[in-house]
Amino acid sequence: MNPRDLLQRETGLDLNQLTVDRAVAQRIAALGLADPARYPALLNGDELQALAELVVIPESWMFRDPEAFFAAARFVSQRLATHPLRTVRILSIPCAGGEEPYSMAMALQDAGVDRGAFRIDAVDLSEVALARARQGRYTRNAFRGGNLAFRERYFTQVGSEYQIDPALREQVNFSHGNLLTIDAAASSGRYDIVFCRNLLIYFDEATTNGAIARLRLMLADDGLLFAGYAEVPAFCSQGFTPMRSPGAFALQKERRSASRVAQPQPAAAVVPAALRPAPRVPAPAPSAPTGAAHAAASAPAARNPAASVAEQLEQASSLADSGELAAAAALCHQLLQTEPGAAEAYFILGMISECQNKPGVADGYWRRCIYLQPDHYQALCHLALLAEQQGDATQAAALRQRAARVYGRHGGVARSLP
């Protein structure tokens, strides 16, 4: 079995060949293998985990898409008001470096929820990310946006880093695991809230459906699930209903025979959605001789213009997701000078503009994107959300319907990088 297939079997990630080839080349160099063709035989146990560490995306930050945490905190407060003696259980999967579960714990503390009233389980595939999460120490890159008052309340500066409050850290139970292999039946109905955001965009349709079935099993019948914006249609097609909480992307199980729980009320202000990694599904790989992984990673980009465009787009997306917005924007503009039809570059520029609180500029970039690529699902979703935030319900509905048609045509798989 080749490295890409092994990674998909073990992680569920539907990675493009370029990403896998680069990771394989790094591991071959780290192991000092003279013959790259020997590498696939080493892919078991620790080496497969080491390779997976290079392709998983643990990048996140505190209060990423803050409306989700505010909505969840309101939901917990409502639940405790009616069931004061019951501990609220929350799951964060994948949890990356702990930014998401710690943000949830801080939001609950700020909402006045007693520490003994909730417990958070946090699961991730990356041992490296989990080690960072358990340590609870973060660089400035984990704190983004203009409102960082929470950092003063819950962190202590240690040199150039910030250490989380030990008492808050004890509220989160970190463990190594994979959504596709954990015993979901053993946790049936266990969780009042589940965070699973921006994971399914890396799965194919069959894996996505299996993951949703597991999440559905673990979520309480009257619980809330928080997804990434691009994943909402997939959940809706598998028996979930979106809640009226703008910017939170909260869903609940459909329950035709029972009344709905109280819906989280929207906050006074809608915070622009933060940057998210562009979804990556397999791209056609050029034919190559034995040792293709090593050759693909070391060959000059100029030999394959299509690969060069894909590499630049992926680099721009990674820069943006790491908070290097100016560098990401510069790379997109540079690419558009030679590839004016690169719709994904306009999409990334729109995401950057949204993060900079420039909705009008973002709107222009996303409209240029769908002009060039009418079936660009993520751009359609963002334009729909933007129209909704601006009070244009008719336009928002039209864009959502258009996005739903695109989603259906592609069999539940979001578009890939070129």
Protein backbone atom coordinates (compact mmCIF):
# COMPACT_ATOMS: atom_id res chain seq x y z
CA MET A 1 0.00 0.00 0.00
CA ASN A 2 1.42 3.41 -0.91
CA PRO A 3 1.97 6.18 1.70
CA ARG A 4 -1.09 8.17 0.68
CA ASP A 5 -3.40 5.17 0.99
CA LEU A 6 -1.88 4.23 4.34
CA LEU A 7 -2.40 7.74 5.66
CA GLN A 8 -6.00 7.76 4.52
CA ARG A 9 -6.65 4.37 6.11
CA GLU A 10 -5.13 5.42 9.43
CA THR A 11 -6.31 9.04 9.62
CA GLY A 12 -9.21 9.36 7.19
CA LEU A 13 -7.52 12.38 5.61
CA ASP A 14 -8.09 12.62 1.86
CA LEU A 15 -4.80 14.35 1.08
CA ASN A 16 -3.54 15.55 -2.25
CA GLN A 17 -0.51 13.78 -3.65
CA LEU A 18 1.69 16.86 -3.45
CA THR A 19 1.20 17.13 0.32
CA VAL A 20 2.00 13.45 0.84
CA ASP A 21 5.06 13.57 -1.41
CA ARG A 22 6.52 16.50 0.51
CA ALA A 23 5.94 14.78 3.86
CA VAL A 24 7.49 11.55 2.60
CA ALA A 25 10.54 13.44 1.32
CA GLN A 26 10.99 15.04 4.76
CA ARG A 27 10.86 11.66 6.50
CA ILE A 28 13.25 10.08 3.98
CA ALA A 29 15.72 12.89 4.67
CA ALA A 30 15.25 12.59 8.44
CA LEU A 31 15.91 8.84 8.33
CA GLY A 32 18.87 9.24 5.99
CA LEU A 33 17.57 6.66 3.52
CA ALA A 34 19.78 6.31 0.47
CA ASP A 35 17.06 4.46 -1.43
CA PRO A 36 13.63 6.22 -1.25
CA ALA A 37 11.96 3.07 -2.59
CA ARG A 38 12.59 1.42 0.79
CA TYR A 39 10.45 3.91 2.67
CA PRO A 40 6.96 2.35 2.18
CA ALA A 41 8.17 -0.83 3.90
CA LEU A 42 8.93 1.21 7.03
CA LEU A 43 5.41 2.62 7.32
CA ASN A 44 4.09 0.99 10.43
CA GLY A 45 3.76 2.01 14.06
CA ASP A 46 6.01 4.91 15.01
CA GLU A 47 7.02 5.82 11.46
CA LEU A 48 3.42 6.06 10.28
CA GLN A 49 2.70 8.34 13.25
CA ALA A 50 5.76 10.45 12.37
CA LEU A 51 4.52 10.81 8.80
CA ALA A 52 1.01 11.66 9.98
CA GLU A 53 2.43 14.43 12.18
CA LEU A 54 3.63 16.16 9.01
CA VAL A 55 0.25 16.16 7.26
CA VAL A 56 -2.21 16.86 10.07
CA ILE A 57 -3.04 20.53 10.59
CA PRO A 58 -2.81 21.43 14.30
CA GLU A 59 -2.81 25.18 13.65
CA SER A 60 -5.42 27.05 15.69
CA TRP A 61 -5.73 29.92 18.14
CA MET A 62 -7.69 30.99 21.18
CA PHE A 63 -11.33 31.89 20.52
CA ARG A 64 -11.17 31.05 16.84
CA ASP A 65 -14.67 31.87 15.55
CA PRO A 66 -15.70 33.21 18.99
CA GLU A 67 -19.45 33.10 18.38
CA ALA A 68 -19.33 29.32 18.76
CA PHE A 69 -17.96 29.60 22.29
CA PHE A 70 -20.43 32.30 23.30
CA ALA A 71 -23.34 30.23 21.98
CA ALA A 72 -22.05 27.13 23.76
CA ALA A 73 -21.67 29.02 27.05
CA ARG A 74 -25.26 30.28 26.81
CA PHE A 75 -26.44 26.75 26.12
CA VAL A 76 -24.57 25.41 29.17
CA SER A 77 -26.03 28.14 31.39
CA GLN A 78 -29.54 27.24 30.20
CA ARG A 79 -28.92 23.55 30.79
CA LEU A 80 -27.58 24.05 34.30
CA ALA A 81 -30.56 26.24 35.16
CA THR A 82 -32.85 23.25 34.60
CA HIS A 83 -30.43 20.47 35.66
CA PRO A 84 -28.19 22.09 38.30
CA LEU A 85 -26.82 18.82 39.69
CA ARG A 86 -25.75 17.34 36.37
CA THR A 87 -22.18 17.78 35.08
CA VAL A 88 -22.12 19.13 31.53
CA ARG A 89 -19.86 17.05 29.28
CA ILE A 90 -18.10 18.65 26.30
CA LEU A 91 -16.00 17.02 23.57
CA SER A 92 -13.43 18.76 21.37
CA ILE A 93 -12.26 16.56 18.48
CA PRO A 94 -9.77 17.23 17.01
CA CYS A 95 -8.44 19.60 19.66
CA ALA A 96 -5.12 20.57 18.00
CA GLY A 97 -2.86 22.20 20.60
CA GLY A 98 -5.66 22.73 23.11
CA GLU A 99 -6.73 26.16 21.94
CA GLU A 100 -10.36 25.13 21.35
CA PRO A 101 -11.06 23.30 24.63
CA TYR A 102 -9.25 25.94 26.67
CA SER A 103 -11.28 28.65 24.92
CA MET A 104 -14.45 26.79 25.87
CA ALA A 105 -13.31 26.54 29.48
CA MET A 106 -12.57 30.28 29.56
CA ALA A 107 -15.94 31.13 28.02
CA LEU A 108 -17.70 29.09 30.69
CA GLN A 109 -15.70 30.75 33.45
CA ASP A 110 -16.57 34.17 32.06
CA ALA A 111 -20.24 33.13 31.97
CA GLY A 112 -20.11 32.37 35.69
CA VAL A 113 -20.30 28.58 35.33
CA ASP A 114 -18.74 26.81 38.30
CA ARG A 115 -15.68 24.73 37.44
CA GLY A 116 -17.25 21.68 39.02
CA ALA A 117 -20.28 21.91 36.74
CA PHE A 118 -18.52 20.95 33.50
CA ARG A 119 -15.86 18.65 32.13
CA ILE A 120 -14.13 18.84 28.75
CA ASP A 121 -12.64 15.87 26.89
CA ALA A 122 -10.18 16.80 24.14
CA VAL A 123 -8.92 14.30 21.55
CA ASP A 124 -6.38 14.63 18.76
CA LEU A 125 -4.40 12.45 16.40
CA SER A 126 -1.17 14.42 16.84
CA GLU A 127 1.00 13.51 19.82
CA VAL A 128 3.04 16.66 19.22
CA ALA A 129 -0.06 18.85 19.44
CA LEU A 130 -1.27 17.01 22.55
CA ALA A 131 2.07 17.54 24.30
CA ARG A 132 1.73 21.27 23.68
CA ALA A 133 -1.87 21.19 24.88
CA ARG A 134 -1.03 19.41 28.12
CA GLN A 135 1.77 21.87 28.80
CA GLY A 136 -0.61 24.77 28.25
CA ARG A 137 2.06 27.22 27.14
CA TYR A 138 1.53 29.31 24.00
CA THR A 139 3.29 31.88 21.85
CA ARG A 140 1.77 35.18 20.75
CA ASN A 141 0.52 33.48 17.61
CA ALA A 142 -2.17 31.73 19.68
CA PHE A 143 -3.71 35.10 20.56
CA ARG A 144 -5.26 36.98 17.65
CA GLY A 145 -7.74 39.76 17.21
CA GLY A 146 -8.25 42.97 19.12
CA ASN A 147 -9.89 41.66 22.30
CA LEU A 148 -7.25 39.86 24.34
CA ALA A 149 -8.50 40.71 27.83
CA PHE A 150 -8.95 37.01 28.50
CA ARG A 151 -5.18 36.55 28.23
CA GLU A 152 -4.68 38.78 31.25
CA ARG A 153 -7.27 36.81 33.23
CA TYR A 154 -6.21 33.27 32.42
CA PHE A 155 -2.55 33.34 31.41
CA THR A 156 0.75 34.24 33.06
CA GLN A 157 3.51 35.58 30.85
CA VAL A 158 6.69 33.51 31.01
CA GLY A 159 9.33 35.17 28.87
CA SER A 160 7.88 35.46 25.38
CA GLU A 161 5.21 32.81 26.04
CA TYR A 162 2.00 32.54 28.04
CA GLN A 163 1.17 29.81 30.55
CA ILE A 164 -2.49 28.94 31.13
CA ASP A 165 -3.98 28.96 34.63
CA PRO A 166 -3.28 25.49 36.12
CA ALA A 167 -6.79 25.30 37.60
CA LEU A 168 -8.30 25.87 34.17
CA ARG A 169 -5.97 23.32 32.64
CA GLU A 170 -7.33 20.69 35.02
CA GLN A 171 -10.80 21.15 33.51
CA VAL A 172 -9.64 19.53 30.26
CA ASN A 173 -8.83 15.85 29.83
CA PHE A 174 -6.53 15.36 26.82
CA SER A 175 -6.16 12.00 25.07
CA HIS A 176 -4.72 10.60 21.85
CA GLY A 177 -7.31 9.26 19.45
CA ASN A 178 -8.94 9.29 16.05
CA LEU A 179 -12.61 10.01 15.46
CA LEU A 180 -12.75 7.13 13.00
CA THR A 181 -11.41 4.52 15.43
CA ILE A 182 -12.52 5.55 18.93
CA ASP A 183 -15.29 3.52 20.56
CA ALA A 184 -18.23 5.82 19.88
CA ALA A 185 -20.72 3.28 21.22
CA ALA A 186 -19.05 3.41 24.63
CA SER A 187 -19.74 7.15 24.71
CA SER A 188 -23.30 6.94 23.35
CA GLY A 189 -25.22 10.07 24.30
CA ARG A 190 -22.40 11.12 26.60
CA TYR A 191 -21.77 14.66 25.41
CA ASP A 192 -23.99 17.71 25.77
CA ILE A 193 -21.76 19.66 23.39
CA VAL A 194 -19.43 18.43 20.65
CA PHE A 195 -16.93 20.62 18.81
CA CYS A 196 -15.79 19.04 15.53
CA ARG A 197 -14.78 21.93 13.30
CA ASN A 198 -12.89 21.92 10.00
CA LEU A 199 -12.07 18.21 10.06
CA LEU A 200 -14.64 16.75 7.68
CA ILE A 201 -13.43 19.01 4.86
CA TYR A 202 -10.39 16.71 4.63
CA PHE A 203 -12.49 13.53 4.26
CA ASP A 204 -14.07 11.90 1.24
CA GLU A 205 -17.84 11.34 1.22
CA ALA A 206 -17.84 7.84 2.73
CA THR A 207 -15.45 8.85 5.52
CA THR A 208 -17.47 12.01 6.19
CA ASN A 209 -20.69 10.03 6.57
CA GLY A 210 -19.00 7.56 8.91
CA ALA A 211 -17.57 10.37 11.03
CA ILE A 212 -20.95 12.10 11.29
CA ALA A 213 -22.58 8.83 12.36
CA ARG A 214 -20.03 8.53 15.18
CA LEU A 215 -20.52 12.13 16.28
CA ARG A 216 -24.28 11.68 16.23
CA LEU A 217 -23.96 8.63 18.46
CA MET A 218 -21.79 10.43 21.01
CA LEU A 219 -23.95 13.57 21.12
CA ALA A 220 -26.90 13.68 23.53
CA ASP A 221 -30.28 13.83 21.79
CA ASP A 222 -30.79 17.40 22.99
CA GLY A 223 -27.13 18.39 22.68
CA LEU A 224 -25.39 20.86 20.38
CA LEU A 225 -22.73 20.18 17.78
CA PHE A 226 -20.45 22.92 16.43
CA ALA A 227 -19.03 22.45 12.92
CA GLY A 228 -17.01 24.44 10.43
CA TYR A 229 -19.03 26.62 8.07
CA ALA A 230 -18.25 24.44 5.04
CA GLU A 231 -19.33 21.29 6.88
CA VAL A 232 -22.86 22.36 7.80
CA PRO A 233 -24.49 20.94 4.62
CA ALA A 234 -22.90 17.54 5.24
CA PHE A 235 -24.38 17.42 8.74
CA CYS A 236 -27.76 18.61 7.48
CA SER A 237 -27.80 15.75 4.97
CA GLN A 238 -27.25 13.29 7.83
CA GLY A 239 -30.06 14.26 10.18
CA PHE A 240 -28.89 17.51 11.78
CA THR A 241 -30.64 20.88 11.83
CA PRO A 242 -28.76 24.21 11.97
CA MET A 243 -29.57 26.51 14.88
CA ARG A 244 -30.29 30.23 14.68
CA SER A 245 -27.00 31.52 16.02
CA PRO A 246 -25.12 33.54 13.37
CA GLY A 247 -21.44 32.81 13.11
CA ALA A 248 -21.55 29.85 15.51
CA PHE A 249 -22.40 27.09 13.00
CA ALA A 250 -24.29 25.13 15.66
CA LEU A 251 -26.45 22.13 14.85
CA GLN A 252 -28.81 19.80 16.67
CA LYS A 253 -30.12 16.33 15.92
CA GLU A 254 -33.45 16.31 14.14
CA ARG A 255 -36.13 15.10 16.55
CA ARG A 256 -39.51 15.02 14.86
CA SER A 257 -41.26 13.49 17.84
CA ALA A 258 -39.86 15.74 20.54
CA SER A 259 -39.74 19.46 21.18
CA ARG A 260 -36.55 21.34 20.45
CA VAL A 261 -34.34 22.63 23.26
CA ALA A 262 -33.94 26.35 23.73
CA GLN A 263 -31.86 27.79 20.91
CA PRO A 264 -28.81 29.87 21.77
CA GLN A 265 -29.59 33.51 21.14
CA PRO A 266 -27.22 35.44 18.86
CA ALA A 267 -24.77 37.83 20.44
CA ALA A 268 -25.12 41.57 19.97
CA ALA A 269 -22.24 41.74 17.53
CA VAL A 270 -21.22 39.24 14.88
CA VAL A 271 -17.48 38.64 14.80
CA PRO A 272 -16.02 37.99 11.33
CA ALA A 273 -15.17 34.33 10.84
CA ALA A 274 -11.47 33.59 11.19
CA LEU A 275 -9.32 32.13 8.46
CA ARG A 276 -9.76 28.44 7.80
CA PRO A 277 -7.50 26.12 5.84
CA ALA A 278 -8.62 25.55 2.29
CA PRO A 279 -9.99 22.02 1.93
CA ARG A 280 -7.69 19.64 0.18
CA VAL A 281 -8.87 16.58 -1.69
CA PRO A 282 -6.69 14.50 -3.96
CA ALA A 283 -5.34 16.20 -7.06
CA PRO A 284 -4.38 14.14 -10.12
CA ALA A 285 -0.75 13.16 -9.73
CA PRO A 286 1.60 13.08 -12.74
CA SER A 287 3.00 9.68 -13.62
CA ALA A 288 6.49 9.10 -12.27
CA PRO A 289 9.06 6.30 -11.97
CA THR A 290 9.92 4.47 -8.75
CA GLY A 291 10.87 6.92 -6.00
CA ALA A 292 8.20 9.36 -7.14
CA ALA A 293 7.79 10.86 -3.70
CA HIS A 294 11.41 11.93 -3.54
CA ALA A 295 11.47 13.14 -7.13
CA ALA A 296 8.28 15.13 -6.82
CA ALA A 297 9.52 16.91 -3.74
CA SER A 298 12.93 17.78 -5.16
CA ALA A 299 12.05 18.61 -8.79
CA PRO A 300 12.11 22.31 -9.74
CA ALA A 301 8.64 23.84 -9.67
CA ALA A 302 9.13 25.33 -13.13
CA ARG A 303 8.93 21.88 -14.67
CA ASN A 304 5.30 21.57 -13.65
CA PRO A 305 3.42 24.89 -13.84
CA ALA A 306 0.19 23.35 -12.52
CA ALA A 307 2.02 22.01 -9.47
CA SER A 308 3.63 25.41 -9.00
CA VAL A 309 0.22 27.10 -8.83
CA ALA A 310 -1.05 24.50 -6.36
CA GLU A 311 2.06 24.92 -4.21
CA GLN A 312 1.71 28.70 -4.13
CA LEU A 313 -1.96 28.50 -3.23
CA GLU A 314 -1.28 26.02 -0.46
CA GLN A 315 1.56 28.19 0.83
CA ALA A 316 -0.68 31.27 0.81
CA SER A 317 -3.38 29.39 2.69
CA SER A 318 -0.86 28.19 5.28
CA LEU A 319 0.56 31.69 5.72
CA ALA A 320 -2.91 33.14 6.21
CA ASP A 321 -3.92 30.45 8.66
CA SER A 322 -0.73 31.16 10.63
CA GLY A 323 -1.67 34.83 10.91
CA GLU A 324 0.83 36.10 8.33
CA LEU A 325 -1.87 37.94 6.42
CA ALA A 326 0.34 40.44 4.60
CA ALA A 327 2.65 37.72 3.29
CA ALA A 328 -0.32 35.59 2.23
CA ALA A 329 -1.94 38.49 0.39
CA ALA A 330 1.32 39.39 -1.34
CA LEU A 331 1.74 35.82 -2.54
CA CYS A 332 -1.83 35.77 -3.90
CA HIS A 333 -1.34 39.04 -5.77
CA GLN A 334 1.97 37.81 -7.15
CA LEU A 335 0.31 34.63 -8.40
CA LEU A 336 -2.53 36.57 -10.01
CA GLN A 337 -0.02 38.54 -12.06
CA THR A 338 0.83 35.36 -13.98
CA GLU A 339 -2.34 33.33 -13.34
CA PRO A 340 -5.25 35.83 -13.47
CA GLY A 341 -7.75 32.97 -13.56
CA ALA A 342 -6.67 31.48 -10.21
CA ALA A 343 -10.04 31.62 -8.44
CA GLU A 344 -8.61 30.18 -5.22
CA ALA A 345 -6.27 33.17 -4.88
CA TYR A 346 -9.28 35.50 -4.86
CA PHE A 347 -10.96 33.27 -2.28
CA ILE A 348 -7.94 33.49 0.03
CA LEU A 349 -7.77 37.27 -0.44
CA GLY A 350 -11.44 37.41 0.56
CA MET A 351 -10.71 35.42 3.71
CA ILE A 352 -7.86 37.76 4.57
CA SER A 353 -10.08 40.81 4.06
CA GLU A 354 -12.80 39.30 6.25
CA CYS A 355 -10.27 38.67 9.00
CA GLN A 356 -9.21 42.32 8.72
CA ASN A 357 -12.86 43.36 9.17
CA LYS A 358 -13.20 44.59 5.60
CA PRO A 359 -16.45 42.91 4.50
CA GLY A 360 -16.88 45.07 1.42
CA VAL A 361 -13.44 44.15 0.12
CA ALA A 362 -14.03 40.48 0.97
CA ASP A 363 -17.31 40.56 -0.94
CA GLY A 364 -15.52 41.85 -4.04
CA TYR A 365 -12.87 39.15 -3.92
CA TRP A 366 -15.38 36.33 -3.40
CA ARG A 367 -17.57 37.57 -6.25
CA ARG A 368 -14.52 37.59 -8.50
CA CYS A 369 -13.82 34.05 -7.31
CA ILE A 370 -17.26 32.70 -8.23
CA TYR A 371 -17.14 34.59 -11.53
CA LEU A 372 -14.04 32.56 -12.40
CA GLN A 373 -15.21 29.38 -10.65
CA PRO A 374 -19.03 29.36 -10.36
CA ASP A 375 -19.02 26.15 -8.29
CA HIS A 376 -16.57 27.40 -5.62
CA TYR A 377 -18.51 26.11 -2.63
CA GLN A 378 -16.63 27.96 0.14
CA ALA A 379 -16.90 31.34 -1.59
CA LEU A 380 -20.65 30.83 -2.03
CA CYS A 381 -20.99 29.94 1.66
CA HIS A 382 -19.11 33.05 2.74
CA LEU A 383 -21.08 35.31 0.43
CA ALA A 384 -24.29 33.84 1.87
CA LEU A 385 -23.12 34.51 5.43
CA LEU A 386 -22.05 38.03 4.50
CA ALA A 387 -25.44 38.74 2.92
CA GLU A 388 -27.15 37.41 6.05
CA GLN A 389 -25.05 39.64 8.30
CA GLN A 390 -25.93 42.63 6.13
CA GLY A 391 -29.64 41.86 6.43
CA ASP A 392 -30.19 40.74 2.84
CA ALA A 393 -32.19 37.57 3.52
CA THR A 394 -33.21 37.12 -0.12
CA GLN A 395 -29.65 37.22 -1.42
CA ALA A 396 -28.46 34.99 1.44
CA ALA A 397 -31.11 32.38 0.64
CA ALA A 398 -30.25 32.42 -3.06
CA LEU A 399 -26.56 31.94 -2.35
CA ARG A 400 -27.23 29.15 0.14
CA GLN A 401 -29.39 27.34 -2.41
CA ARG A 402 -26.68 27.73 -5.02
CA ALA A 403 -24.09 26.37 -2.59
CA ALA A 404 -26.36 23.43 -1.76
CA ARG A 405 -26.66 22.57 -5.46
CA VAL A 406 -22.89 22.65 -5.83
CA TYR A 407 -22.52 20.46 -2.76
CA GLY A 408 -24.99 17.95 -4.17
CA ARG A 409 -23.33 17.83 -7.59
CA HIS A 410 -19.95 17.09 -6.04
CA GLY A 411 -21.31 14.27 -3.92
CA GLY A 412 -20.66 16.02 -0.63
CA VAL A 413 -17.01 16.77 -1.33
CA ALA A 414 -15.86 20.39 -1.29
CA ARG A 415 -13.74 21.63 -4.17
CA SER A 416 -10.01 21.03 -4.11
CA LEU A 417 -7.01 23.16 -4.81
CA PRO A 418 -6.14 23.19 -8.52
